[in-house]
Amino acid sequence: MNGQKAKRIRRHAKELMLDWIKSVVDEDEAKKVTLKNLAQYVPNQTHIYANQQLRVSAYTLRWFEQGIKKLLKKDRTITSITVQDLEHA
């Protein structure tokens, strides 16, 4: 993968994660959440062990990145991908 493309994927994943966090918390907390303090609102654990397999936890940064990569294989553009697309993928 191209380095510039990976950078755009990570940046868009953070933006989608920010949108998702803001939709989950109440309005007062949503105003406090920014890209800079996003890490404070998400858990550190990124993987879970289930059914004798190690899997990526849902709604982590890595989950968003992997979902974007899967949708890019289906001829989508990075900017057109939304949180709803990732949930249904």
C-alpha atoms as a PDB file:
ATOM      1  CA  MET A   1       0.000   0.000   0.000  1.00  0.00           C
ATOM      2  CA  ASN A   2       1.167   3.473  -0.823  1.00  0.00           C
ATOM      3  CA  GLY A   3       2.309   5.516   2.190  1.00  0.00           C
ATOM      4  CA  GLN A   4       0.142   8.479   1.236  1.00  0.00           C
ATOM      5  CA  LYS A   5      -2.908   6.249   0.898  1.00  0.00           C
ATOM      6  CA  ALA A   6      -2.242   4.683   4.308  1.00  0.00           C
ATOM      7  CA  LYS A   7      -1.961   8.155   5.812  1.00  0.00           C
ATOM      8  CA  ARG A   8      -5.322   9.181   4.303  1.00  0.00           C
ATOM      9  CA  ILE A   9      -6.911   5.966   5.611  1.00  0.00           C
ATOM     10  CA  ARG A  10      -5.640   6.619   9.152  1.00  0.00           C
ATOM     11  CA  ARG A  11      -6.782  10.232   9.042  1.00  0.00           C
ATOM     12  CA  HIS A  12     -10.255   9.298   7.783  1.00  0.00           C
ATOM     13  CA  ALA A  13     -10.487   6.485  10.353  1.00  0.00           C
ATOM     14  CA  LYS A  14      -9.854   9.004  13.133  1.00  0.00           C
ATOM     15  CA  GLU A  15     -12.518  11.324  11.728  1.00  0.00           C
ATOM     16  CA  LEU A  16     -15.049   8.468  11.529  1.00  0.00           C
ATOM     17  CA  MET A  17     -14.174   7.399  15.049  1.00  0.00           C
ATOM     18  CA  LEU A  18     -14.719  10.976  16.251  1.00  0.00           C
ATOM     19  CA  ASP A  19     -18.128  11.091  14.536  1.00  0.00           C
ATOM     20  CA  TRP A  20     -19.079   7.770  16.112  1.00  0.00           C
ATOM     21  CA  ILE A  21     -17.981   8.846  19.610  1.00  0.00           C
ATOM     22  CA  LYS A  22     -19.951  12.086  19.293  1.00  0.00           C
ATOM     23  CA  SER A  23     -23.065  10.148  18.310  1.00  0.00           C
ATOM     24  CA  VAL A  24     -22.765   7.858  21.339  1.00  0.00           C
ATOM     25  CA  VAL A  25     -22.142  10.376  24.140  1.00  0.00           C
ATOM     26  CA  ASP A  26     -24.492  13.156  25.216  1.00  0.00           C
ATOM     27  CA  GLU A  27     -24.278  16.654  23.722  1.00  0.00           C
ATOM     28  CA  ASP A  28     -22.225  18.191  26.537  1.00  0.00           C
ATOM     29  CA  GLU A  29     -19.562  15.497  26.297  1.00  0.00           C
ATOM     30  CA  ALA A  30     -19.658  15.588  22.484  1.00  0.00           C
ATOM     31  CA  LYS A  31     -18.530  19.215  22.546  1.00  0.00           C
ATOM     32  CA  LYS A  32     -15.472  18.233  24.584  1.00  0.00           C
ATOM     33  CA  VAL A  33     -14.281  15.454  22.262  1.00  0.00           C
ATOM     34  CA  THR A  34     -11.719  16.463  19.626  1.00  0.00           C
ATOM     35  CA  LEU A  35      -9.181  14.637  17.493  1.00  0.00           C
ATOM     36  CA  LYS A  36      -6.452  15.546  19.986  1.00  0.00           C
ATOM     37  CA  ASN A  37      -8.153  14.015  23.037  1.00  0.00           C
ATOM     38  CA  LEU A  38      -9.906  11.163  21.231  1.00  0.00           C
ATOM     39  CA  ALA A  39      -7.596   8.557  22.778  1.00  0.00           C
ATOM     40  CA  GLN A  40      -8.915   9.390  26.247  1.00  0.00           C
ATOM     41  CA  TYR A  41     -12.428   8.260  25.291  1.00  0.00           C
ATOM     42  CA  VAL A  42     -11.565   4.858  23.827  1.00  0.00           C
ATOM     43  CA  PRO A  43     -10.171   1.793  25.623  1.00  0.00           C
ATOM     44  CA  ASN A  44      -6.558   0.691  25.173  1.00  0.00           C
ATOM     45  CA  GLN A  45      -7.526  -2.903  24.457  1.00  0.00           C
ATOM     46  CA  THR A  46      -7.749  -3.406  20.690  1.00  0.00           C
ATOM     47  CA  HIS A  47      -8.182  -7.182  20.492  1.00  0.00           C
ATOM     48  CA  ILE A  48     -10.396  -9.814  22.079  1.00  0.00           C
ATOM     49  CA  TYR A  49     -10.017 -13.564  22.276  1.00  0.00           C
ATOM     50  CA  ALA A  50     -13.183 -15.367  21.197  1.00  0.00           C
ATOM     51  CA  ASN A  51     -13.834 -18.823  19.744  1.00  0.00           C
ATOM     52  CA  GLN A  52     -10.132 -19.691  20.011  1.00  0.00           C
ATOM     53  CA  GLN A  53      -9.245 -16.750  17.759  1.00  0.00           C
ATOM     54  CA  LEU A  54      -7.759 -13.333  18.350  1.00  0.00           C
ATOM     55  CA  ARG A  55     -10.047 -10.698  16.834  1.00  0.00           C
ATOM     56  CA  VAL A  56     -10.067  -6.919  16.554  1.00  0.00           C
ATOM     57  CA  SER A  57     -12.482  -5.231  18.961  1.00  0.00           C
ATOM     58  CA  ALA A  58     -15.301  -3.268  17.383  1.00  0.00           C
ATOM     59  CA  TYR A  59     -15.131   0.526  17.196  1.00  0.00           C
ATOM     60  CA  THR A  60     -11.398   0.796  17.793  1.00  0.00           C
ATOM     61  CA  LEU A  61      -9.085   2.724  15.506  1.00  0.00           C
ATOM     62  CA  ARG A  62      -7.772  -0.483  13.995  1.00  0.00           C
ATOM     63  CA  TRP A  63     -11.358  -1.688  13.337  1.00  0.00           C
ATOM     64  CA  PHE A  64     -12.125   1.530  11.472  1.00  0.00           C
ATOM     65  CA  GLU A  65      -8.908   1.238   9.429  1.00  0.00           C
ATOM     66  CA  GLN A  66      -9.592  -2.381   8.470  1.00  0.00           C
ATOM     67  CA  GLY A  67     -13.172  -1.568   7.503  1.00  0.00           C
ATOM     68  CA  ILE A  68     -12.047   1.272   5.266  1.00  0.00           C
ATOM     69  CA  LYS A  69      -9.519  -1.008   3.576  1.00  0.00           C
ATOM     70  CA  LYS A  70     -12.206  -3.640   2.936  1.00  0.00           C
ATOM     71  CA  LEU A  71     -14.529  -1.077   1.384  1.00  0.00           C
ATOM     72  CA  LEU A  72     -11.730   0.362  -0.761  1.00  0.00           C
ATOM     73  CA  LYS A  73     -11.361  -3.050  -2.397  1.00  0.00           C
ATOM     74  CA  LYS A  74     -14.966  -2.644  -3.590  1.00  0.00           C
ATOM     75  CA  ASP A  75     -14.056   0.457  -5.658  1.00  0.00           C
ATOM     76  CA  ARG A  76     -15.113   3.058  -3.085  1.00  0.00           C
ATOM     77  CA  THR A  77     -13.355   6.324  -2.379  1.00  0.00           C
ATOM     78  CA  ILE A  78     -11.987   7.073   1.066  1.00  0.00           C
ATOM     79  CA  THR A  79     -14.043  10.220   1.570  1.00  0.00           C
ATOM     80  CA  SER A  80     -17.334   8.527   0.640  1.00  0.00           C
ATOM     81  CA  ILE A  81     -17.097   5.929   3.433  1.00  0.00           C
ATOM     82  CA  THR A  82     -19.270   6.585   6.498  1.00  0.00           C
ATOM     83  CA  VAL A  83     -19.708   4.922   9.883  1.00  0.00           C
ATOM     84  CA  GLN A  84     -22.929   3.305   8.651  1.00  0.00           C
ATOM     85  CA  ASP A  85     -21.039   1.734   5.742  1.00  0.00           C
ATOM     86  CA  LEU A  86     -18.551   0.204   8.171  1.00  0.00           C
ATOM     87  CA  GLU A  87     -21.278  -1.133  10.427  1.00  0.00           C
ATOM     88  CA  HIS A  88     -22.966  -2.912   7.517  1.00  0.00           C
ATOM     89  CA  ALA A  89     -19.755  -4.216   5.925  1.00  0.00           C
END
